[in-house]
Amino acid sequence: MSEQSREERLAAAFVELADTLVGDFDIIAFLHTLADHCVDLLDVTAAGVMLATPDGDILDASASDERTRALETDSLDWGEGPCLDCYRSGNPVPDTPLSHPQAHVKWPRFAHRAQELGFVSVAAAPMRLREQTIGSLNLFREEPGHLEPAQMRLGQALADVATIGILQQRAVHEHATVTSQLQTALDSRIIIEQAKGALAHMHGINAEEAFHQLRRYARHHRRRLTDVAREVMDGGIDVRLPAQDQ
């Protein structure tokens, strides 16, 4: 964990999530940053983000770890889960124990699979600005207890500032329509997944460590995550950093 105080990390998170007006904005890397800040600042084990197209199709855009990404992919396939309820209604889903009968009635496959993965509760915050909802932020816990209301409000605040940042970036770059941006996000996700698989096979590591290597390299060299992933697929770079640079 960072040596900075929690207050310093909180301030840095809001600044980073508001800073989207850059020419090389990478929406997938941005949403991974949102998920990472949630895990760092909130009393949660994992976080994920789903993003919607104008037609209502949902993309599992980012997650803080591989099991969460797999769960969200399954949730989309099944058409059920708190993340989808949150997006469809535009309202938060309060912290819900996955062992509660109501969770199994509302999300039978999701609740069962989430428990298998070790999660004990889930909550979701809409990525919404006024009447426009563009996705949802999903928060998972694996420790007994509840996500306190203040923690949920902070999660909603992080989702709000990220939403404003995304919509602001779209508004400034009017030529990049919502549809094309979401297509770019989908293309980026595919390239990143391919690069993760290639690195995992090449170095005998799991997909999560492969993704961490990609992100460390991209941040160290101040490059877009998607561009680094594409070069990995082209065989042009080795993303492993010396220990002192990580």
C-alpha atoms as a PDB file:
ATOM      1  CA  MET A   1       0.000   0.000   0.000  1.00  0.00           C
ATOM      2  CA  SER A   2       1.172   3.558  -0.662  1.00  0.00           C
ATOM      3  CA  GLU A   3       3.023   5.414   2.102  1.00  0.00           C
ATOM      4  CA  GLN A   4       0.742   8.396   1.473  1.00  0.00           C
ATOM      5  CA  SER A   5      -2.008   9.065   3.988  1.00  0.00           C
ATOM      6  CA  ARG A   6      -5.523   8.006   3.098  1.00  0.00           C
ATOM      7  CA  GLU A   7      -6.491  11.667   2.683  1.00  0.00           C
ATOM      8  CA  GLU A   8      -3.654  12.200   0.199  1.00  0.00           C
ATOM      9  CA  ARG A   9      -4.632   9.074  -1.744  1.00  0.00           C
ATOM     10  CA  LEU A  10      -8.266  10.162  -1.771  1.00  0.00           C
ATOM     11  CA  ALA A  11      -7.376  13.586  -3.149  1.00  0.00           C
ATOM     12  CA  ALA A  12      -5.090  12.015  -5.759  1.00  0.00           C
ATOM     13  CA  ALA A  13      -7.866   9.629  -6.838  1.00  0.00           C
ATOM     14  CA  PHE A  14     -10.318  12.446  -7.519  1.00  0.00           C
ATOM     15  CA  VAL A  15      -7.705  14.441  -9.418  1.00  0.00           C
ATOM     16  CA  GLU A  16      -6.733  11.439 -11.550  1.00  0.00           C
ATOM     17  CA  LEU A  17     -10.351  10.508 -12.339  1.00  0.00           C
ATOM     18  CA  ALA A  18     -11.144  14.082 -13.361  1.00  0.00           C
ATOM     19  CA  ASP A  19      -8.144  14.323 -15.709  1.00  0.00           C
ATOM     20  CA  THR A  20      -9.621  12.974 -18.941  1.00  0.00           C
ATOM     21  CA  LEU A  21      -9.016  15.891 -21.303  1.00  0.00           C
ATOM     22  CA  VAL A  22      -5.921  14.412 -22.924  1.00  0.00           C
ATOM     23  CA  GLY A  23      -5.347  13.487 -26.527  1.00  0.00           C
ATOM     24  CA  ASP A  24      -4.326   9.913 -25.763  1.00  0.00           C
ATOM     25  CA  PHE A  25      -7.235   9.143 -23.401  1.00  0.00           C
ATOM     26  CA  ASP A  26      -7.508   5.366 -22.925  1.00  0.00           C
ATOM     27  CA  ILE A  27     -10.944   4.523 -21.551  1.00  0.00           C
ATOM     28  CA  ILE A  28     -10.074   0.939 -20.560  1.00  0.00           C
ATOM     29  CA  ALA A  29      -7.015   2.021 -18.569  1.00  0.00           C
ATOM     30  CA  PHE A  30      -9.096   4.825 -17.022  1.00  0.00           C
ATOM     31  CA  LEU A  31     -11.777   2.411 -15.812  1.00  0.00           C
ATOM     32  CA  HIS A  32      -9.142   0.032 -14.409  1.00  0.00           C
ATOM     33  CA  THR A  33      -7.825   3.025 -12.476  1.00  0.00           C
ATOM     34  CA  LEU A  34     -11.323   3.628 -11.090  1.00  0.00           C
ATOM     35  CA  ALA A  35     -11.563  -0.002  -9.944  1.00  0.00           C
ATOM     36  CA  ASP A  36      -8.116   0.151  -8.319  1.00  0.00           C
ATOM     37  CA  HIS A  37      -8.951   3.336  -6.411  1.00  0.00           C
ATOM     38  CA  CYS A  38     -12.111   1.704  -5.074  1.00  0.00           C
ATOM     39  CA  VAL A  39     -10.161  -1.260  -3.709  1.00  0.00           C
ATOM     40  CA  ASP A  40      -7.573   1.071  -2.184  1.00  0.00           C
ATOM     41  CA  LEU A  41      -9.989   3.545  -0.593  1.00  0.00           C
ATOM     42  CA  LEU A  42     -13.087   1.515   0.242  1.00  0.00           C
ATOM     43  CA  ASP A  43     -13.634  -1.439   2.541  1.00  0.00           C
ATOM     44  CA  VAL A  44     -14.027  -3.811  -0.417  1.00  0.00           C
ATOM     45  CA  THR A  45     -12.050  -6.715  -1.797  1.00  0.00           C
ATOM     46  CA  ALA A  46     -12.676  -6.144  -5.487  1.00  0.00           C
ATOM     47  CA  ALA A  47     -14.367  -3.775  -7.911  1.00  0.00           C
ATOM     48  CA  GLY A  48     -15.516  -3.893 -11.498  1.00  0.00           C
ATOM     49  CA  VAL A  49     -16.983  -1.496 -14.039  1.00  0.00           C
ATOM     50  CA  MET A  50     -19.555  -2.141 -16.730  1.00  0.00           C
ATOM     51  CA  LEU A  51     -20.088   0.382 -19.517  1.00  0.00           C
ATOM     52  CA  ALA A  52     -23.109   0.677 -21.828  1.00  0.00           C
ATOM     53  CA  THR A  53     -23.510   1.465 -25.514  1.00  0.00           C
ATOM     54  CA  PRO A  54     -26.279   3.837 -26.631  1.00  0.00           C
ATOM     55  CA  ASP A  55     -28.292   0.762 -27.686  1.00  0.00           C
ATOM     56  CA  GLY A  56     -28.101  -0.661 -24.164  1.00  0.00           C
ATOM     57  CA  ASP A  57     -25.473  -3.329 -24.821  1.00  0.00           C
ATOM     58  CA  ILE A  58     -23.114  -3.730 -21.853  1.00  0.00           C
ATOM     59  CA  LEU A  59     -19.336  -4.179 -21.909  1.00  0.00           C
ATOM     60  CA  ASP A  60     -17.442  -5.623 -18.934  1.00  0.00           C
ATOM     61  CA  ALA A  61     -14.919  -2.828 -19.245  1.00  0.00           C
ATOM     62  CA  SER A  62     -12.643  -3.398 -16.256  1.00  0.00           C
ATOM     63  CA  ALA A  63     -12.126  -5.243 -12.998  1.00  0.00           C
ATOM     64  CA  SER A  64      -9.584  -5.166 -10.214  1.00  0.00           C
ATOM     65  CA  ASP A  65      -8.787  -8.879 -10.571  1.00  0.00           C
ATOM     66  CA  GLU A  66      -9.429 -11.825 -12.848  1.00  0.00           C
ATOM     67  CA  ARG A  67     -12.110 -13.562 -10.773  1.00  0.00           C
ATOM     68  CA  THR A  68     -14.183 -10.366 -10.737  1.00  0.00           C
ATOM     69  CA  ARG A  69     -13.807  -9.944 -14.481  1.00  0.00           C
ATOM     70  CA  ALA A  70     -14.921 -13.568 -15.014  1.00  0.00           C
ATOM     71  CA  LEU A  71     -17.920 -13.051 -12.715  1.00  0.00           C
ATOM     72  CA  GLU A  72     -18.994  -9.917 -14.559  1.00  0.00           C
ATOM     73  CA  THR A  73     -18.630 -11.669 -17.907  1.00  0.00           C
ATOM     74  CA  ASP A  74     -20.873 -14.462 -16.622  1.00  0.00           C
ATOM     75  CA  SER A  75     -23.330 -11.881 -15.283  1.00  0.00           C
ATOM     76  CA  LEU A  76     -23.672 -10.398 -18.759  1.00  0.00           C
ATOM     77  CA  ASP A  77     -24.131 -13.824 -20.310  1.00  0.00           C
ATOM     78  CA  TRP A  78     -26.856 -14.668 -17.788  1.00  0.00           C
ATOM     79  CA  GLY A  79     -28.528 -11.267 -17.988  1.00  0.00           C
ATOM     80  CA  GLU A  80     -28.696 -11.001 -14.194  1.00  0.00           C
ATOM     81  CA  GLY A  81     -26.813  -9.427 -11.320  1.00  0.00           C
ATOM     82  CA  PRO A  82     -26.653  -6.252  -9.261  1.00  0.00           C
ATOM     83  CA  CYS A  83     -24.536  -4.507 -11.873  1.00  0.00           C
ATOM     84  CA  LEU A  84     -27.254  -4.909 -14.510  1.00  0.00           C
ATOM     85  CA  ASP A  85     -30.021  -3.967 -12.066  1.00  0.00           C
ATOM     86  CA  CYS A  86     -28.069  -0.841 -11.168  1.00  0.00           C
ATOM     87  CA  TYR A  87     -27.564   0.177 -14.796  1.00  0.00           C
ATOM     88  CA  ARG A  88     -31.153  -0.531 -15.813  1.00  0.00           C
ATOM     89  CA  SER A  89     -32.703   1.374 -12.911  1.00  0.00           C
ATOM     90  CA  GLY A  90     -30.101   4.114 -12.595  1.00  0.00           C
ATOM     91  CA  ASN A  91     -30.228   3.583  -8.823  1.00  0.00           C
ATOM     92  CA  PRO A  92     -27.669   2.158  -6.384  1.00  0.00           C
ATOM     93  CA  VAL A  93     -27.927  -1.442  -5.257  1.00  0.00           C
ATOM     94  CA  PRO A  94     -27.252  -1.408  -1.496  1.00  0.00           C
ATOM     95  CA  ASP A  95     -24.781  -3.786   0.083  1.00  0.00           C
ATOM     96  CA  THR A  96     -26.446  -7.201  -0.187  1.00  0.00           C
ATOM     97  CA  PRO A  97     -25.292 -10.420   1.524  1.00  0.00           C
ATOM     98  CA  LEU A  98     -24.989 -13.116  -1.108  1.00  0.00           C
ATOM     99  CA  SER A  99     -26.202 -15.731   1.365  1.00  0.00           C
ATOM    100  CA  HIS A 100     -29.514 -13.929   1.800  1.00  0.00           C
ATOM    101  CA  PRO A 101     -32.464 -15.758   0.196  1.00  0.00           C
ATOM    102  CA  GLN A 102     -33.480 -12.572  -1.608  1.00  0.00           C
ATOM    103  CA  ALA A 103     -30.138 -12.478  -3.431  1.00  0.00           C
ATOM    104  CA  HIS A 104     -30.687 -16.036  -4.701  1.00  0.00           C
ATOM    105  CA  VAL A 105     -34.222 -15.184  -5.791  1.00  0.00           C
ATOM    106  CA  LYS A 106     -33.142 -12.056  -7.699  1.00  0.00           C
ATOM    107  CA  TRP A 107     -29.817 -13.354  -9.065  1.00  0.00           C
ATOM    108  CA  PRO A 108     -29.787 -17.167  -8.708  1.00  0.00           C
ATOM    109  CA  ARG A 109     -26.805 -17.925 -10.928  1.00  0.00           C
ATOM    110  CA  PHE A 110     -24.881 -14.770 -10.062  1.00  0.00           C
ATOM    111  CA  ALA A 111     -25.253 -15.193  -6.287  1.00  0.00           C
ATOM    112  CA  HIS A 112     -24.205 -18.843  -6.415  1.00  0.00           C
ATOM    113  CA  ARG A 113     -21.169 -18.146  -8.596  1.00  0.00           C
ATOM    114  CA  ALA A 114     -20.089 -15.122  -6.539  1.00  0.00           C
ATOM    115  CA  GLN A 115     -20.159 -17.232  -3.362  1.00  0.00           C
ATOM    116  CA  GLU A 116     -18.135 -19.942  -5.081  1.00  0.00           C
ATOM    117  CA  LEU A 117     -15.516 -17.274  -5.840  1.00  0.00           C
ATOM    118  CA  GLY A 118     -15.327 -16.298  -2.168  1.00  0.00           C
ATOM    119  CA  PHE A 119     -17.417 -13.137  -2.104  1.00  0.00           C
ATOM    120  CA  VAL A 120     -19.904 -12.623   0.735  1.00  0.00           C
ATOM    121  CA  SER A 121     -21.635  -9.404  -0.339  1.00  0.00           C
ATOM    122  CA  VAL A 122     -22.041  -7.073  -3.297  1.00  0.00           C
ATOM    123  CA  ALA A 123     -23.141  -3.495  -3.935  1.00  0.00           C
ATOM    124  CA  ALA A 124     -23.380  -1.364  -7.063  1.00  0.00           C
ATOM    125  CA  ALA A 125     -23.290   2.368  -7.814  1.00  0.00           C
ATOM    126  CA  PRO A 126     -24.646   3.826 -11.058  1.00  0.00           C
ATOM    127  CA  MET A 127     -22.340   5.771 -13.345  1.00  0.00           C
ATOM    128  CA  ARG A 128     -24.914   8.474 -13.906  1.00  0.00           C
ATOM    129  CA  LEU A 129     -25.112  12.195 -14.622  1.00  0.00           C
ATOM    130  CA  ARG A 130     -28.636  13.534 -14.145  1.00  0.00           C
ATOM    131  CA  GLU A 131     -30.836  11.383 -16.416  1.00  0.00           C
ATOM    132  CA  GLN A 132     -27.992   9.723 -18.338  1.00  0.00           C
ATOM    133  CA  THR A 133     -26.657   6.402 -17.031  1.00  0.00           C
ATOM    134  CA  ILE A 134     -23.609   5.071 -18.846  1.00  0.00           C
ATOM    135  CA  GLY A 135     -22.729   2.067 -16.692  1.00  0.00           C
ATOM    136  CA  SER A 136     -22.266   0.804 -13.157  1.00  0.00           C
ATOM    137  CA  LEU A 137     -19.524   0.393 -10.562  1.00  0.00           C
ATOM    138  CA  ASN A 138     -19.671  -2.924  -8.730  1.00  0.00           C
ATOM    139  CA  LEU A 139     -18.183  -3.469  -5.270  1.00  0.00           C
ATOM    140  CA  PHE A 140     -17.455  -6.893  -3.759  1.00  0.00           C
ATOM    141  CA  ARG A 141     -16.510  -7.953  -0.216  1.00  0.00           C
ATOM    142  CA  GLU A 142     -15.127 -11.262   1.004  1.00  0.00           C
ATOM    143  CA  GLU A 143     -15.073 -10.399   4.723  1.00  0.00           C
ATOM    144  CA  PRO A 144     -18.173 -10.729   6.956  1.00  0.00           C
ATOM    145  CA  GLY A 145     -19.944  -7.498   7.807  1.00  0.00           C
ATOM    146  CA  HIS A 146     -21.508  -4.664   5.861  1.00  0.00           C
ATOM    147  CA  LEU A 147     -20.287  -1.857   3.653  1.00  0.00           C
ATOM    148  CA  GLU A 148     -20.990   1.229   5.746  1.00  0.00           C
ATOM    149  CA  PRO A 149     -23.208   3.974   4.236  1.00  0.00           C
ATOM    150  CA  ALA A 150     -20.284   6.422   4.261  1.00  0.00           C
ATOM    151  CA  GLN A 151     -18.238   3.929   2.230  1.00  0.00           C
ATOM    152  CA  MET A 152     -21.085   3.545  -0.249  1.00  0.00           C
ATOM    153  CA  ARG A 153     -21.339   7.331  -0.585  1.00  0.00           C
ATOM    154  CA  LEU A 154     -17.625   7.526  -1.315  1.00  0.00           C
ATOM    155  CA  GLY A 155     -17.959   4.778  -3.925  1.00  0.00           C
ATOM    156  CA  GLN A 156     -20.791   6.725  -5.535  1.00  0.00           C
ATOM    157  CA  ALA A 157     -18.669   9.890  -5.502  1.00  0.00           C
ATOM    158  CA  LEU A 158     -15.830   8.076  -7.289  1.00  0.00           C
ATOM    159  CA  ALA A 159     -18.307   6.738  -9.859  1.00  0.00           C
ATOM    160  CA  ASP A 160     -19.765  10.233 -10.308  1.00  0.00           C
ATOM    161  CA  VAL A 161     -16.456  11.944 -10.967  1.00  0.00           C
ATOM    162  CA  ALA A 162     -15.429   9.176 -13.386  1.00  0.00           C
ATOM    163  CA  THR A 163     -18.750   9.568 -15.225  1.00  0.00           C
ATOM    164  CA  ILE A 164     -18.308  13.320 -15.494  1.00  0.00           C
ATOM    165  CA  GLY A 165     -14.775  12.793 -16.779  1.00  0.00           C
ATOM    166  CA  ILE A 166     -15.913  10.355 -19.476  1.00  0.00           C
ATOM    167  CA  LEU A 167     -18.813  12.528 -20.611  1.00  0.00           C
ATOM    168  CA  GLN A 168     -16.606  15.630 -20.563  1.00  0.00           C
ATOM    169  CA  GLN A 169     -14.040  13.881 -22.731  1.00  0.00           C
ATOM    170  CA  ARG A 170     -16.745  12.847 -25.173  1.00  0.00           C
ATOM    171  CA  ALA A 171     -18.198  16.352 -25.309  1.00  0.00           C
ATOM    172  CA  VAL A 172     -14.846  17.981 -26.057  1.00  0.00           C
ATOM    173  CA  HIS A 173     -13.996  15.455 -28.761  1.00  0.00           C
ATOM    174  CA  GLU A 174     -17.337  15.651 -30.523  1.00  0.00           C
ATOM    175  CA  HIS A 175     -16.119  13.714 -33.536  1.00  0.00           C
ATOM    176  CA  ALA A 176     -15.670  10.654 -31.297  1.00  0.00           C
ATOM    177  CA  THR A 177     -19.269   9.552 -30.861  1.00  0.00           C
ATOM    178  CA  VAL A 178     -20.419   7.400 -27.985  1.00  0.00           C
ATOM    179  CA  THR A 179     -20.783   4.442 -30.331  1.00  0.00           C
ATOM    180  CA  SER A 180     -17.292   4.707 -31.756  1.00  0.00           C
ATOM    181  CA  GLN A 181     -15.788   5.207 -28.316  1.00  0.00           C
ATOM    182  CA  LEU A 182     -17.463   2.080 -27.007  1.00  0.00           C
ATOM    183  CA  GLN A 183     -16.283   0.177 -30.083  1.00  0.00           C
ATOM    184  CA  THR A 184     -12.769   1.392 -29.347  1.00  0.00           C
ATOM    185  CA  ALA A 185     -13.162   0.192 -25.772  1.00  0.00           C
ATOM    186  CA  LEU A 186     -14.276  -3.220 -26.999  1.00  0.00           C
ATOM    187  CA  ASP A 187     -11.368  -3.426 -29.437  1.00  0.00           C
ATOM    188  CA  SER A 188      -8.961  -2.388 -26.673  1.00  0.00           C
ATOM    189  CA  ARG A 189     -10.336  -5.053 -24.340  1.00  0.00           C
ATOM    190  CA  ILE A 190      -9.774  -7.734 -26.992  1.00  0.00           C
ATOM    191  CA  ILE A 191      -6.178  -6.618 -27.630  1.00  0.00           C
ATOM    192  CA  ILE A 192      -5.399  -6.482 -23.910  1.00  0.00           C
ATOM    193  CA  GLU A 193      -6.864  -9.953 -23.326  1.00  0.00           C
ATOM    194  CA  GLN A 194      -4.789 -11.340 -26.210  1.00  0.00           C
ATOM    195  CA  ALA A 195      -1.626  -9.734 -24.827  1.00  0.00           C
ATOM    196  CA  LYS A 196      -2.343 -11.118 -21.347  1.00  0.00           C
ATOM    197  CA  GLY A 197      -2.672 -14.599 -22.799  1.00  0.00           C
ATOM    198  CA  ALA A 198       0.531 -14.253 -24.791  1.00  0.00           C
ATOM    199  CA  LEU A 199       2.499 -13.032 -21.764  1.00  0.00           C
ATOM    200  CA  ALA A 200       1.069 -15.742 -19.527  1.00  0.00           C
ATOM    201  CA  HIS A 201       2.100 -18.421 -22.026  1.00  0.00           C
ATOM    202  CA  MET A 202       5.521 -16.875 -22.665  1.00  0.00           C
ATOM    203  CA  HIS A 203       6.553 -16.429 -19.032  1.00  0.00           C
ATOM    204  CA  GLY A 204       4.585 -19.201 -17.330  1.00  0.00           C
ATOM    205  CA  ILE A 205       2.507 -16.819 -15.201  1.00  0.00           C
ATOM    206  CA  ASN A 206      -1.209 -16.388 -14.620  1.00  0.00           C
ATOM    207  CA  ALA A 207      -3.386 -13.865 -16.434  1.00  0.00           C
ATOM    208  CA  GLU A 208      -3.561 -11.518 -13.454  1.00  0.00           C
ATOM    209  CA  GLU A 209       0.226 -11.202 -13.164  1.00  0.00           C
ATOM    210  CA  ALA A 210       0.440 -10.758 -16.945  1.00  0.00           C
ATOM    211  CA  PHE A 211      -1.985  -7.844 -16.726  1.00  0.00           C
ATOM    212  CA  HIS A 212      -0.011  -6.276 -13.853  1.00  0.00           C
ATOM    213  CA  GLN A 213       3.121  -6.455 -16.014  1.00  0.00           C
ATOM    214  CA  LEU A 214       1.313  -4.679 -18.847  1.00  0.00           C
ATOM    215  CA  ARG A 215       0.055  -1.910 -16.582  1.00  0.00           C
ATOM    216  CA  ARG A 216       3.387  -1.424 -14.805  1.00  0.00           C
ATOM    217  CA  TYR A 217       5.189  -1.094 -18.123  1.00  0.00           C
ATOM    218  CA  ALA A 218       2.592   1.314 -19.538  1.00  0.00           C
ATOM    219  CA  ARG A 219       2.696   3.532 -16.458  1.00  0.00           C
ATOM    220  CA  HIS A 220       6.487   3.428 -16.161  1.00  0.00           C
ATOM    221  CA  HIS A 221       6.888   4.539 -19.777  1.00  0.00           C
ATOM    222  CA  ARG A 222       3.818   6.845 -19.745  1.00  0.00           C
ATOM    223  CA  ARG A 223       2.206   4.988 -22.619  1.00  0.00           C
ATOM    224  CA  ARG A 224      -1.326   3.913 -23.432  1.00  0.00           C
ATOM    225  CA  LEU A 225      -2.144   0.441 -22.140  1.00  0.00           C
ATOM    226  CA  THR A 226      -3.689  -0.562 -25.462  1.00  0.00           C
ATOM    227  CA  ASP A 227      -0.592   0.499 -27.421  1.00  0.00           C
ATOM    228  CA  VAL A 228       1.661  -1.546 -25.140  1.00  0.00           C
ATOM    229  CA  ALA A 229      -0.618  -4.575 -25.517  1.00  0.00           C
ATOM    230  CA  ARG A 230      -0.548  -4.209 -29.295  1.00  0.00           C
ATOM    231  CA  GLU A 231       3.273  -4.117 -29.322  1.00  0.00           C
ATOM    232  CA  VAL A 232       3.388  -7.224 -27.147  1.00  0.00           C
ATOM    233  CA  MET A 233       1.255  -9.003 -29.740  1.00  0.00           C
ATOM    234  CA  ASP A 234       3.587  -7.774 -32.488  1.00  0.00           C
ATOM    235  CA  GLY A 235       6.578  -9.142 -30.570  1.00  0.00           C
ATOM    236  CA  GLY A 236       8.191  -5.721 -30.305  1.00  0.00           C
ATOM    237  CA  ILE A 237       8.712  -5.305 -26.561  1.00  0.00           C
ATOM    238  CA  ASP A 238       9.372  -7.180 -23.325  1.00  0.00           C
ATOM    239  CA  VAL A 239       7.182  -5.634 -20.630  1.00  0.00           C
ATOM    240  CA  ARG A 240       9.073  -7.082 -17.678  1.00  0.00           C
ATOM    241  CA  LEU A 241      10.673  -4.277 -15.654  1.00  0.00           C
ATOM    242  CA  PRO A 242      13.732  -4.543 -13.435  1.00  0.00           C
ATOM    243  CA  ALA A 243      12.728  -4.963  -9.775  1.00  0.00           C
ATOM    244  CA  GLN A 244      13.909  -1.451  -8.832  1.00  0.00           C
ATOM    245  CA  ASP A 245      11.583   0.097 -11.449  1.00  0.00           C
ATOM    246  CA  GLN A 246       8.392  -1.698 -10.435  1.00  0.00           C
END
